Amino acid sequence: MPGGSPAGRPLLVGVVHGLAGSGALSAVAIAASPDAFAAFAAVVLYAVGALIGMTLLASVAGPMLARVARAPSTARALVLVAGSASVVLGLIWGGRSLVALASL
């Protein structure tokens, strides 16, 4: 972002992802709540809880990941392990989904 703060772009990406994820929650809260106030309260409580949880996670993981980023070989190994684990997990879940769909 020219002229903006370095945190501006990640903040914008986070806001967009947060709003996208809250859409389904809002729909469920509205459908399941007896009135608008209860639905609003449920969404607000979820948002506050998510904010606290993400803040705690970032404050714990951030310093560790910053230290790893200073060692290129360690960072490369971490990316390789995380990427491989993601692919394997995706294949397992995808396979289970295909088996479940085939049995319908």
PDB file of N, CA and C in Angstrom:
ATOM      1  N   MET A   1       0.852  -1.176   0.000  1.00  0.00           N
ATOM      2  CA  MET A   1       0.000   0.000   0.000  1.00  0.00           C
ATOM      3  C   MET A   1       0.894   1.235   0.000  1.00  0.00           C
ATOM      4  N   PRO A   2       0.981   1.919  -1.099  1.00  0.00           N
ATOM      5  CA  PRO A   2       1.842   3.091  -1.183  1.00  0.00           C
ATOM      6  C   PRO A   2       1.437   4.147  -0.160  1.00  0.00           C
ATOM      7  N   GLY A   3       2.395   4.583   0.618  1.00  0.00           N
ATOM      8  CA  GLY A   3       2.153   5.637   1.587  1.00  0.00           C
ATOM      9  C   GLY A   3       1.443   5.187   2.846  1.00  0.00           C
ATOM     10  N   GLY A   4       0.960   3.950   2.887  1.00  0.00           N
ATOM     11  CA  GLY A   4       0.252   3.461   4.062  1.00  0.00           C
ATOM     12  C   GLY A   4       1.188   2.747   5.015  1.00  0.00           C
ATOM     13  N   SER A   5       0.636   2.280   6.103  1.00  0.00           N
ATOM     14  CA  SER A   5       1.457   1.550   7.068  1.00  0.00           C
ATOM     15  C   SER A   5       1.698   0.129   6.566  1.00  0.00           C
ATOM     16  N   PRO A   6       2.808  -0.489   7.013  1.00  0.00           N
ATOM     17  CA  PRO A   6       3.074  -1.863   6.572  1.00  0.00           C
ATOM     18  C   PRO A   6       2.003  -2.850   7.029  1.00  0.00           C
ATOM     19  N   ALA A   7       1.254  -2.504   8.069  1.00  0.00           N
ATOM     20  CA  ALA A   7       0.232  -3.411   8.589  1.00  0.00           C
ATOM     21  C   ALA A   7      -1.100  -3.250   7.863  1.00  0.00           C
ATOM     22  N   GLY A   8      -1.212  -2.270   6.984  1.00  0.00           N
ATOM     23  CA  GLY A   8      -2.495  -1.992   6.340  1.00  0.00           C
ATOM     24  C   GLY A   8      -3.028  -3.124   5.498  1.00  0.00           C
ATOM     25  N   ARG A   9      -2.184  -3.710   4.665  1.00  0.00           N
ATOM     26  CA  ARG A   9      -2.647  -4.775   3.765  1.00  0.00           C
ATOM     27  C   ARG A   9      -3.035  -6.038   4.541  1.00  0.00           C
ATOM     28  N   PRO A  10      -2.194  -6.537   5.472  1.00  0.00           N
ATOM     29  CA  PRO A  10      -2.623  -7.708   6.244  1.00  0.00           C
ATOM     30  C   PRO A  10      -3.892  -7.448   7.050  1.00  0.00           C
ATOM     31  N   LEU A  11      -4.042  -6.224   7.542  1.00  0.00           N
ATOM     32  CA  LEU A  11      -5.257  -5.891   8.286  1.00  0.00           C
ATOM     33  C   LEU A  11      -6.476  -5.970   7.376  1.00  0.00           C
ATOM     34  N   LEU A  12      -6.360  -5.432   6.174  1.00  0.00           N
ATOM     35  CA  LEU A  12      -7.466  -5.477   5.220  1.00  0.00           C
ATOM     36  C   LEU A  12      -7.820  -6.921   4.854  1.00  0.00           C
ATOM     37  N   VAL A  13      -6.805  -7.749   4.614  1.00  0.00           N
ATOM     38  CA  VAL A  13      -7.045  -9.159   4.300  1.00  0.00           C
ATOM     39  C   VAL A  13      -7.742  -9.850   5.476  1.00  0.00           C
ATOM     40  N   GLY A  14      -7.300  -9.565   6.687  1.00  0.00           N
ATOM     41  CA  GLY A  14      -7.918 -10.153   7.876  1.00  0.00           C
ATOM     42  C   GLY A  14      -9.367  -9.738   8.044  1.00  0.00           C
ATOM     43  N   VAL A  15      -9.649  -8.481   7.804  1.00  0.00           N
ATOM     44  CA  VAL A  15     -11.028  -7.987   7.917  1.00  0.00           C
ATOM     45  C   VAL A  15     -11.926  -8.671   6.891  1.00  0.00           C
ATOM     46  N   VAL A  16     -11.450  -8.779   5.651  1.00  0.00           N
ATOM     47  CA  VAL A  16     -12.256  -9.422   4.608  1.00  0.00           C
ATOM     48  C   VAL A  16     -12.515 -10.886   4.963  1.00  0.00           C
ATOM     49  N   HIS A  17     -11.482 -11.599   5.413  1.00  0.00           N
ATOM     50  CA  HIS A  17     -11.675 -13.002   5.784  1.00  0.00           C
ATOM     51  C   HIS A  17     -12.586 -13.130   6.994  1.00  0.00           C
ATOM     52  N   GLY A  18     -12.442 -12.235   7.938  1.00  0.00           N
ATOM     53  CA  GLY A  18     -13.308 -12.269   9.121  1.00  0.00           C
ATOM     54  C   GLY A  18     -14.761 -12.046   8.768  1.00  0.00           C
ATOM     55  N   LEU A  19     -15.012 -11.090   7.897  1.00  0.00           N
ATOM     56  CA  LEU A  19     -16.388 -10.832   7.478  1.00  0.00           C
ATOM     57  C   LEU A  19     -16.957 -11.997   6.692  1.00  0.00           C
ATOM     58  N   ALA A  20     -16.132 -12.622   5.862  1.00  0.00           N
ATOM     59  CA  ALA A  20     -16.603 -13.761   5.073  1.00  0.00           C
ATOM     60  C   ALA A  20     -16.987 -14.928   5.976  1.00  0.00           C
ATOM     61  N   GLY A  21     -16.195 -15.185   6.999  1.00  0.00           N
ATOM     62  CA  GLY A  21     -16.489 -16.291   7.913  1.00  0.00           C
ATOM     63  C   GLY A  21     -17.689 -16.026   8.799  1.00  0.00           C
ATOM     64  N   SER A  22     -17.953 -14.773   9.080  1.00  0.00           N
ATOM     65  CA  SER A  22     -19.060 -14.431   9.968  1.00  0.00           C
ATOM     66  C   SER A  22     -20.413 -14.503   9.272  1.00  0.00           C
ATOM     67  N   GLY A  23     -20.411 -14.550   7.946  1.00  0.00           N
ATOM     68  CA  GLY A  23     -21.680 -14.600   7.222  1.00  0.00           C
ATOM     69  C   GLY A  23     -22.490 -15.839   7.551  1.00  0.00           C
ATOM     70  N   ALA A  24     -21.835 -16.992   7.559  1.00  0.00           N
ATOM     71  CA  ALA A  24     -22.537 -18.238   7.883  1.00  0.00           C
ATOM     72  C   ALA A  24     -23.005 -18.222   9.336  1.00  0.00           C
ATOM     73  N   LEU A  25     -22.135 -17.727  10.228  1.00  0.00           N
ATOM     74  CA  LEU A  25     -22.527 -17.642  11.639  1.00  0.00           C
ATOM     75  C   LEU A  25     -23.733 -16.731  11.808  1.00  0.00           C
ATOM     76  N   SER A  26     -23.750 -15.614  11.119  1.00  0.00           N
ATOM     77  CA  SER A  26     -24.871 -14.680  11.217  1.00  0.00           C
ATOM     78  C   SER A  26     -26.159 -15.335  10.732  1.00  0.00           C
ATOM     79  N   ALA A  27     -26.085 -16.072   9.647  1.00  0.00           N
ATOM     80  CA  ALA A  27     -27.276 -16.743   9.122  1.00  0.00           C
ATOM     81  C   ALA A  27     -27.818 -17.764  10.115  1.00  0.00           C
ATOM     82  N   VAL A  28     -26.924 -18.535  10.717  1.00  0.00           N
ATOM     83  CA  VAL A  28     -27.360 -19.530  11.707  1.00  0.00           C
ATOM     84  C   VAL A  28     -27.934 -18.841  12.940  1.00  0.00           C
ATOM     85  N   ALA A  29     -27.264 -17.787  13.415  1.00  0.00           N
ATOM     86  CA  ALA A  29     -27.743 -17.077  14.603  1.00  0.00           C
ATOM     87  C   ALA A  29     -29.119 -16.465  14.368  1.00  0.00           C
ATOM     88  N   ILE A  30     -29.314 -15.893  13.202  1.00  0.00           N
ATOM     89  CA  ILE A  30     -30.609 -15.281  12.884  1.00  0.00           C
ATOM     90  C   ILE A  30     -31.692 -16.346  12.786  1.00  0.00           C
ATOM     91  N   ALA A  31     -31.369 -17.469  12.162  1.00  0.00           N
ATOM     92  CA  ALA A  31     -32.373 -18.541  11.998  1.00  0.00           C
ATOM     93  C   ALA A  31     -32.722 -19.211  13.320  1.00  0.00           C
ATOM     94  N   ALA A  32     -31.754 -19.325  14.221  1.00  0.00           N
ATOM     95  CA  ALA A  32     -31.979 -20.070  15.459  1.00  0.00           C
ATOM     96  C   ALA A  32     -32.425 -19.200  16.627  1.00  0.00           C
ATOM     97  N   SER A  33     -32.323 -17.909  16.512  1.00  0.00           N
ATOM     98  CA  SER A  33     -32.633 -17.019  17.630  1.00  0.00           C
ATOM     99  C   SER A  33     -34.103 -16.635  17.646  1.00  0.00           C
ATOM    100  N   PRO A  34     -34.631 -16.474  18.863  1.00  0.00           N
ATOM    101  CA  PRO A  34     -36.042 -16.104  18.967  1.00  0.00           C
ATOM    102  C   PRO A  34     -36.305 -14.649  18.578  1.00  0.00           C
ATOM    103  N   ASP A  35     -35.285 -13.796  18.658  1.00  0.00           N
ATOM    104  CA  ASP A  35     -35.473 -12.399  18.271  1.00  0.00           C
ATOM    105  C   ASP A  35     -34.161 -11.799  17.774  1.00  0.00           C
ATOM    106  N   ALA A  36     -34.235 -10.592  17.276  1.00  0.00           N
ATOM    107  CA  ALA A  36     -33.059  -9.939  16.687  1.00  0.00           C
ATOM    108  C   ALA A  36     -31.991  -9.656  17.729  1.00  0.00           C
ATOM    109  N   PHE A  37     -32.379  -9.315  18.952  1.00  0.00           N
ATOM    110  CA  PHE A  37     -31.395  -9.017  19.988  1.00  0.00           C
ATOM    111  C   PHE A  37     -30.559 -10.249  20.322  1.00  0.00           C
ATOM    112  N   ALA A  38     -31.203 -11.399  20.430  1.00  0.00           N
ATOM    113  CA  ALA A  38     -30.467 -12.632  20.732  1.00  0.00           C
ATOM    114  C   ALA A  38     -29.503 -12.982  19.604  1.00  0.00           C
ATOM    115  N   ALA A  39     -29.926 -12.795  18.372  1.00  0.00           N
ATOM    116  CA  ALA A  39     -29.052 -13.066  17.228  1.00  0.00           C
ATOM    117  C   ALA A  39     -27.856 -12.118  17.243  1.00  0.00           C
ATOM    118  N   PHE A  40     -28.111 -10.829  17.490  1.00  0.00           N
ATOM    119  CA  PHE A  40     -27.032  -9.843  17.552  1.00  0.00           C
ATOM    120  C   PHE A  40     -26.076 -10.161  18.691  1.00  0.00           C
ATOM    121  N   ALA A  41     -26.612 -10.521  19.842  1.00  0.00           N
ATOM    122  CA  ALA A  41     -25.763 -10.852  20.992  1.00  0.00           C
ATOM    123  C   ALA A  41     -24.888 -12.070  20.696  1.00  0.00           C
ATOM    124  N   ALA A  42     -25.434 -13.058  20.022  1.00  0.00           N
ATOM    125  CA  ALA A  42     -24.656 -14.252  19.691  1.00  0.00           C
ATOM    126  C   ALA A  42     -23.502 -13.907  18.761  1.00  0.00           C
ATOM    127  N   VAL A  43     -23.751 -13.086  17.759  1.00  0.00           N
ATOM    128  CA  VAL A  43     -22.701 -12.696  16.817  1.00  0.00           C
ATOM    129  C   VAL A  43     -21.638 -11.860  17.525  1.00  0.00           C
ATOM    130  N   VAL A  44     -22.052 -10.938  18.378  1.00  0.00           N
ATOM    131  CA  VAL A  44     -21.091 -10.098  19.112  1.00  0.00           C
ATOM    132  C   VAL A  44     -20.242 -10.952  20.049  1.00  0.00           C
ATOM    133  N   LEU A  45     -20.852 -11.886  20.772  1.00  0.00           N
ATOM    134  CA  LEU A  45     -20.083 -12.757  21.666  1.00  0.00           C
ATOM    135  C   LEU A  45     -19.083 -13.604  20.891  1.00  0.00           C
ATOM    136  N   TYR A  46     -19.496 -14.107  19.743  1.00  0.00           N
ATOM    137  CA  TYR A  46     -18.574 -14.871  18.907  1.00  0.00           C
ATOM    138  C   TYR A  46     -17.409 -14.000  18.455  1.00  0.00           C
ATOM    139  N   ALA A  47     -17.712 -12.782  18.005  1.00  0.00           N
ATOM    140  CA  ALA A  47     -16.669 -11.879  17.512  1.00  0.00           C
ATOM    141  C   ALA A  47     -15.668 -11.541  18.607  1.00  0.00           C
ATOM    142  N   VAL A  48     -16.150 -11.268  19.802  1.00  0.00           N
ATOM    143  CA  VAL A  48     -15.253 -10.948  20.918  1.00  0.00           C
ATOM    144  C   VAL A  48     -14.390 -12.162  21.268  1.00  0.00           C
ATOM    145  N   GLY A  49     -14.993 -13.328  21.309  1.00  0.00           N
ATOM    146  CA  GLY A  49     -14.231 -14.547  21.610  1.00  0.00           C
ATOM    147  C   GLY A  49     -13.183 -14.840  20.551  1.00  0.00           C
ATOM    148  N   ALA A  50     -13.557 -14.672  19.283  1.00  0.00           N
ATOM    149  CA  ALA A  50     -12.600 -14.897  18.195  1.00  0.00           C
ATOM    150  C   ALA A  50     -11.462 -13.885  18.272  1.00  0.00           C
ATOM    151  N   LEU A  51     -11.780 -12.643  18.561  1.00  0.00           N
ATOM    152  CA  LEU A  51     -10.759 -11.605  18.677  1.00  0.00           C
ATOM    153  C   LEU A  51      -9.772 -11.927  19.800  1.00  0.00           C
ATOM    154  N   ILE A  52     -10.282 -12.324  20.942  1.00  0.00           N
ATOM    155  CA  ILE A  52      -9.406 -12.666  22.070  1.00  0.00           C
ATOM    156  C   ILE A  52      -8.555 -13.887  21.734  1.00  0.00           C
ATOM    157  N   GLY A  53      -9.169 -14.916  21.170  1.00  0.00           N
ATOM    158  CA  GLY A  53      -8.431 -16.126  20.824  1.00  0.00           C
ATOM    159  C   GLY A  53      -7.336 -15.874  19.805  1.00  0.00           C
ATOM    160  N   MET A  54      -7.652 -15.110  18.761  1.00  0.00           N
ATOM    161  CA  MET A  54      -6.653 -14.825  17.731  1.00  0.00           C
ATOM    162  C   MET A  54      -5.533 -13.946  18.268  1.00  0.00           C
ATOM    163  N   THR A  55      -5.868 -13.021  19.150  1.00  0.00           N
ATOM    164  CA  THR A  55      -4.849 -12.159  19.749  1.00  0.00           C
ATOM    165  C   THR A  55      -3.897 -12.984  20.603  1.00  0.00           C
ATOM    166  N   LEU A  56      -4.439 -13.885  21.399  1.00  0.00           N
ATOM    167  CA  LEU A  56      -3.582 -14.741  22.230  1.00  0.00           C
ATOM    168  C   LEU A  56      -2.693 -15.643  21.375  1.00  0.00           C
ATOM    169  N   LEU A  57      -3.265 -16.226  20.345  1.00  0.00           N
ATOM    170  CA  LEU A  57      -2.488 -17.092  19.467  1.00  0.00           C
ATOM    171  C   LEU A  57      -1.371 -16.310  18.776  1.00  0.00           C
ATOM    172  N   ALA A  58      -1.686 -15.135  18.264  1.00  0.00           N
ATOM    173  CA  ALA A  58      -0.671 -14.320  17.588  1.00  0.00           C
ATOM    174  C   ALA A  58       0.417 -13.871  18.557  1.00  0.00           C
ATOM    175  N   SER A  59       0.047 -13.577  19.797  1.00  0.00           N
ATOM    176  CA  SER A  59       1.062 -13.127  20.761  1.00  0.00           C
ATOM    177  C   SER A  59       1.979 -14.263  21.190  1.00  0.00           C
ATOM    178  N   VAL A  60       1.509 -15.494  21.118  1.00  0.00           N
ATOM    179  CA  VAL A  60       2.350 -16.642  21.454  1.00  0.00           C
ATOM    180  C   VAL A  60       3.154 -17.099  20.238  1.00  0.00           C
ATOM    181  N   ALA A  61       2.491 -17.238  19.096  1.00  0.00           N
ATOM    182  CA  ALA A  61       3.156 -17.769  17.906  1.00  0.00           C
ATOM    183  C   ALA A  61       4.030 -16.738  17.206  1.00  0.00           C
ATOM    184  N   GLY A  62       3.664 -15.473  17.266  1.00  0.00           N
ATOM    185  CA  GLY A  62       4.394 -14.427  16.556  1.00  0.00           C
ATOM    186  C   GLY A  62       5.879 -14.367  16.877  1.00  0.00           C
ATOM    187  N   PRO A  63       6.250 -14.264  18.150  1.00  0.00           N
ATOM    188  CA  PRO A  63       7.680 -14.209  18.465  1.00  0.00           C
ATOM    189  C   PRO A  63       8.446 -15.461  18.042  1.00  0.00           C
ATOM    190  N   MET A  64       7.820 -16.619  18.173  1.00  0.00           N
ATOM    191  CA  MET A  64       8.492 -17.851  17.759  1.00  0.00           C
ATOM    192  C   MET A  64       8.695 -17.886  16.242  1.00  0.00           C
ATOM    193  N   LEU A  65       7.679 -17.501  15.488  1.00  0.00           N
ATOM    194  CA  LEU A  65       7.803 -17.493  14.035  1.00  0.00           C
ATOM    195  C   LEU A  65       8.789 -16.423  13.560  1.00  0.00           C
ATOM    196  N   ALA A  66       8.868 -15.312  14.262  1.00  0.00           N
ATOM    197  CA  ALA A  66       9.847 -14.282  13.909  1.00  0.00           C
ATOM    198  C   ALA A  66      11.269 -14.798  14.104  1.00  0.00           C
ATOM    199  N   ARG A  67      11.482 -15.564  15.158  1.00  0.00           N
ATOM    200  CA  ARG A  67      12.805 -16.146  15.405  1.00  0.00           C
ATOM    201  C   ARG A  67      13.146 -17.169  14.325  1.00  0.00           C
ATOM    202  N   VAL A  68      12.167 -17.974  13.929  1.00  0.00           N
ATOM    203  CA  VAL A  68      12.382 -18.971  12.876  1.00  0.00           C
ATOM    204  C   VAL A  68      12.695 -18.283  11.550  1.00  0.00           C
ATOM    205  N   ALA A  69      12.026 -17.163  11.279  1.00  0.00           N
ATOM    206  CA  ALA A  69      12.216 -16.466  10.010  1.00  0.00           C
ATOM    207  C   ALA A  69      13.642 -15.925   9.858  1.00  0.00           C
ATOM    208  N   ARG A  70      14.342 -15.720  10.968  1.00  0.00           N
ATOM    209  CA  ARG A  70      15.716 -15.215  10.887  1.00  0.00           C
ATOM    210  C   ARG A  70      16.704 -16.307  10.490  1.00  0.00           C
ATOM    211  N   ALA A  71      16.287 -17.558  10.550  1.00  0.00           N
ATOM    212  CA  ALA A  71      17.150 -18.678  10.152  1.00  0.00           C
ATOM    213  C   ALA A  71      16.564 -19.286   8.871  1.00  0.00           C
ATOM    214  N   PRO A  72      17.096 -18.933   7.709  1.00  0.00           N
ATOM    215  CA  PRO A  72      16.498 -19.370   6.437  1.00  0.00           C
ATOM    216  C   PRO A  72      16.327 -20.880   6.310  1.00  0.00           C
ATOM    217  N   SER A  73      17.298 -21.650   6.777  1.00  0.00           N
ATOM    218  CA  SER A  73      17.167 -23.106   6.631  1.00  0.00           C
ATOM    219  C   SER A  73      16.034 -23.642   7.508  1.00  0.00           C
ATOM    220  N   THR A  74      15.869 -23.087   8.684  1.00  0.00           N
ATOM    221  CA  THR A  74      14.779 -23.510   9.568  1.00  0.00           C
ATOM    222  C   THR A  74      13.434 -23.085   8.989  1.00  0.00           C
ATOM    223  N   ALA A  75      13.373 -21.881   8.452  1.00  0.00           N
ATOM    224  CA  ALA A  75      12.129 -21.402   7.846  1.00  0.00           C
ATOM    225  C   ALA A  75      11.741 -22.277   6.659  1.00  0.00           C
ATOM    226  N   ARG A  76      12.720 -22.634   5.833  1.00  0.00           N
ATOM    227  CA  ARG A  76      12.459 -23.492   4.675  1.00  0.00           C
ATOM    228  C   ARG A  76      11.940 -24.858   5.138  1.00  0.00           C
ATOM    229  N   ALA A  77      12.543 -25.409   6.183  1.00  0.00           N
ATOM    230  CA  ALA A  77      12.103 -26.712   6.699  1.00  0.00           C
ATOM    231  C   ALA A  77      10.686 -26.623   7.257  1.00  0.00           C
ATOM    232  N   LEU A  78      10.384 -25.532   7.967  1.00  0.00           N
ATOM    233  CA  LEU A  78       9.044 -25.358   8.527  1.00  0.00           C
ATOM    234  C   LEU A  78       8.000 -25.262   7.416  1.00  0.00           C
ATOM    235  N   VAL A  79       8.299 -24.521   6.356  1.00  0.00           N
ATOM    236  CA  VAL A  79       7.376 -24.391   5.227  1.00  0.00           C
ATOM    237  C   VAL A  79       7.180 -25.748   4.550  1.00  0.00           C
ATOM    238  N   LEU A  80       8.254 -26.503   4.386  1.00  0.00           N
ATOM    239  CA  LEU A  80       8.159 -27.819   3.755  1.00  0.00           C
ATOM    240  C   LEU A  80       7.298 -28.773   4.587  1.00  0.00           C
ATOM    241  N   VAL A  81       7.516 -28.793   5.896  1.00  0.00           N
ATOM    242  CA  VAL A  81       6.747 -29.683   6.772  1.00  0.00           C
ATOM    243  C   VAL A  81       5.271 -29.268   6.801  1.00  0.00           C
ATOM    244  N   ALA A  82       5.017 -27.968   6.958  1.00  0.00           N
ATOM    245  CA  ALA A  82       3.629 -27.495   7.015  1.00  0.00           C
ATOM    246  C   ALA A  82       2.916 -27.736   5.689  1.00  0.00           C
ATOM    247  N   GLY A  83       3.588 -27.479   4.582  1.00  0.00           N
ATOM    248  CA  GLY A  83       2.981 -27.711   3.272  1.00  0.00           C
ATOM    249  C   GLY A  83       2.687 -29.177   3.032  1.00  0.00           C
ATOM    250  N   SER A  84       3.643 -30.038   3.382  1.00  0.00           N
ATOM    251  CA  SER A  84       3.443 -31.479   3.196  1.00  0.00           C
ATOM    252  C   SER A  84       2.298 -31.987   4.060  1.00  0.00           C
ATOM    253  N   ALA A  85       2.249 -31.528   5.305  1.00  0.00           N
ATOM    254  CA  ALA A  85       1.168 -31.946   6.204  1.00  0.00           C
ATOM    255  C   ALA A  85      -0.186 -31.480   5.670  1.00  0.00           C
ATOM    256  N   SER A  86      -0.235 -30.284   5.103  1.00  0.00           N
ATOM    257  CA  SER A  86      -1.488 -29.774   4.543  1.00  0.00           C
ATOM    258  C   SER A  86      -1.951 -30.606   3.360  1.00  0.00           C
ATOM    259  N   VAL A  87      -1.022 -30.976   2.487  1.00  0.00           N
ATOM    260  CA  VAL A  87      -1.377 -31.792   1.318  1.00  0.00           C
ATOM    261  C   VAL A  87      -1.870 -33.167   1.762  1.00  0.00           C
ATOM    262  N   VAL A  88      -1.162 -33.790   2.691  1.00  0.00           N
ATOM    263  CA  VAL A  88      -1.557 -35.121   3.176  1.00  0.00           C
ATOM    264  C   VAL A  88      -2.936 -35.059   3.831  1.00  0.00           C
ATOM    265  N   LEU A  89      -3.140 -34.065   4.688  1.00  0.00           N
ATOM    266  CA  LEU A  89      -4.434 -33.937   5.359  1.00  0.00           C
ATOM    267  C   LEU A  89      -5.547 -33.677   4.349  1.00  0.00           C
ATOM    268  N   GLY A  90      -5.277 -32.839   3.353  1.00  0.00           N
ATOM    269  CA  GLY A  90      -6.264 -32.587   2.304  1.00  0.00           C
ATOM    270  C   GLY A  90      -6.616 -33.844   1.530  1.00  0.00           C
ATOM    271  N   LEU A  91      -5.608 -34.662   1.223  1.00  0.00           N
ATOM    272  CA  LEU A  91      -5.868 -35.919   0.511  1.00  0.00           C
ATOM    273  C   LEU A  91      -6.693 -36.882   1.374  1.00  0.00           C
ATOM    274  N   ILE A  92      -6.375 -36.949   2.660  1.00  0.00           N
ATOM    275  CA  ILE A  92      -7.141 -37.831   3.560  1.00  0.00           C
ATOM    276  C   ILE A  92      -8.596 -37.372   3.632  1.00  0.00           C
ATOM    277  N   TRP A  93      -8.804 -36.087   3.909  1.00  0.00           N
ATOM    278  CA  TRP A  93     -10.178 -35.577   4.012  1.00  0.00           C
ATOM    279  C   TRP A  93     -10.906 -35.681   2.680  1.00  0.00           C
ATOM    280  N   GLY A  94     -10.213 -35.383   1.585  1.00  0.00           N
ATOM    281  CA  GLY A  94     -10.836 -35.505   0.270  1.00  0.00           C
ATOM    282  C   GLY A  94     -11.226 -36.938  -0.027  1.00  0.00           C
ATOM    283  N   GLY A  95     -10.345 -37.878   0.308  1.00  0.00           N
ATOM    284  CA  GLY A  95     -10.644 -39.297   0.099  1.00  0.00           C
ATOM    285  C   GLY A  95     -11.848 -39.745   0.909  1.00  0.00           C
ATOM    286  N   ARG A  96     -11.898 -39.310   2.162  1.00  0.00           N
ATOM    287  CA  ARG A  96     -13.053 -39.671   3.005  1.00  0.00           C
ATOM    288  C   ARG A  96     -14.344 -39.088   2.432  1.00  0.00           C
ATOM    289  N   SER A  97     -14.258 -37.874   1.949  1.00  0.00           N
ATOM    290  CA  SER A  97     -15.463 -37.232   1.373  1.00  0.00           C
ATOM    291  C   SER A  97     -15.919 -37.980   0.124  1.00  0.00           C
ATOM    292  N   LEU A  98     -14.973 -38.389  -0.722  1.00  0.00           N
ATOM    293  CA  LEU A  98     -15.329 -39.123  -1.930  1.00  0.00           C
ATOM    294  C   LEU A  98     -15.957 -40.472  -1.579  1.00  0.00           C
ATOM    295  N   VAL A  99     -15.409 -41.138  -0.568  1.00  0.00           N
ATOM    296  CA  VAL A  99     -15.977 -42.433  -0.141  1.00  0.00           C
ATOM    297  C   VAL A  99     -17.394 -42.218   0.379  1.00  0.00           C
ATOM    298  N   ALA A 100     -17.591 -41.163   1.188  1.00  0.00           N
ATOM    299  CA  ALA A 100     -18.918 -40.898   1.729  1.00  0.00           C
ATOM    300  C   ALA A 100     -19.909 -40.555   0.611  1.00  0.00           C
ATOM    301  N   LEU A 101     -19.468 -39.783  -0.367  1.00  0.00           N
ATOM    302  CA  LEU A 101     -20.349 -39.436  -1.478  1.00  0.00           C
ATOM    303  C   LEU A 101     -20.681 -40.657  -2.327  1.00  0.00           C
ATOM    304  N   ALA A 102     -19.705 -41.527  -2.504  1.00  0.00           N
ATOM    305  CA  ALA A 102     -19.928 -42.730  -3.315  1.00  0.00           C
ATOM    306  C   ALA A 102     -20.933 -43.675  -2.659  1.00  0.00           C
ATOM    307  N   SER A 103     -21.024 -43.624  -1.341  1.00  0.00           N
ATOM    308  CA  SER A 103     -21.916 -44.547  -0.646  1.00  0.00           C
ATOM    309  C   SER A 103     -23.347 -44.004  -0.546  1.00  0.00           C
ATOM    310  N   LEU A 104     -23.580 -42.800  -1.042  1.00  0.00           N
ATOM    311  CA  LEU A 104     -24.948 -42.249  -0.998  1.00  0.00           C
ATOM    312  C   LEU A 104     -25.865 -42.897  -2.001  1.00  0.00           C
TER     313      LEU A 104
END
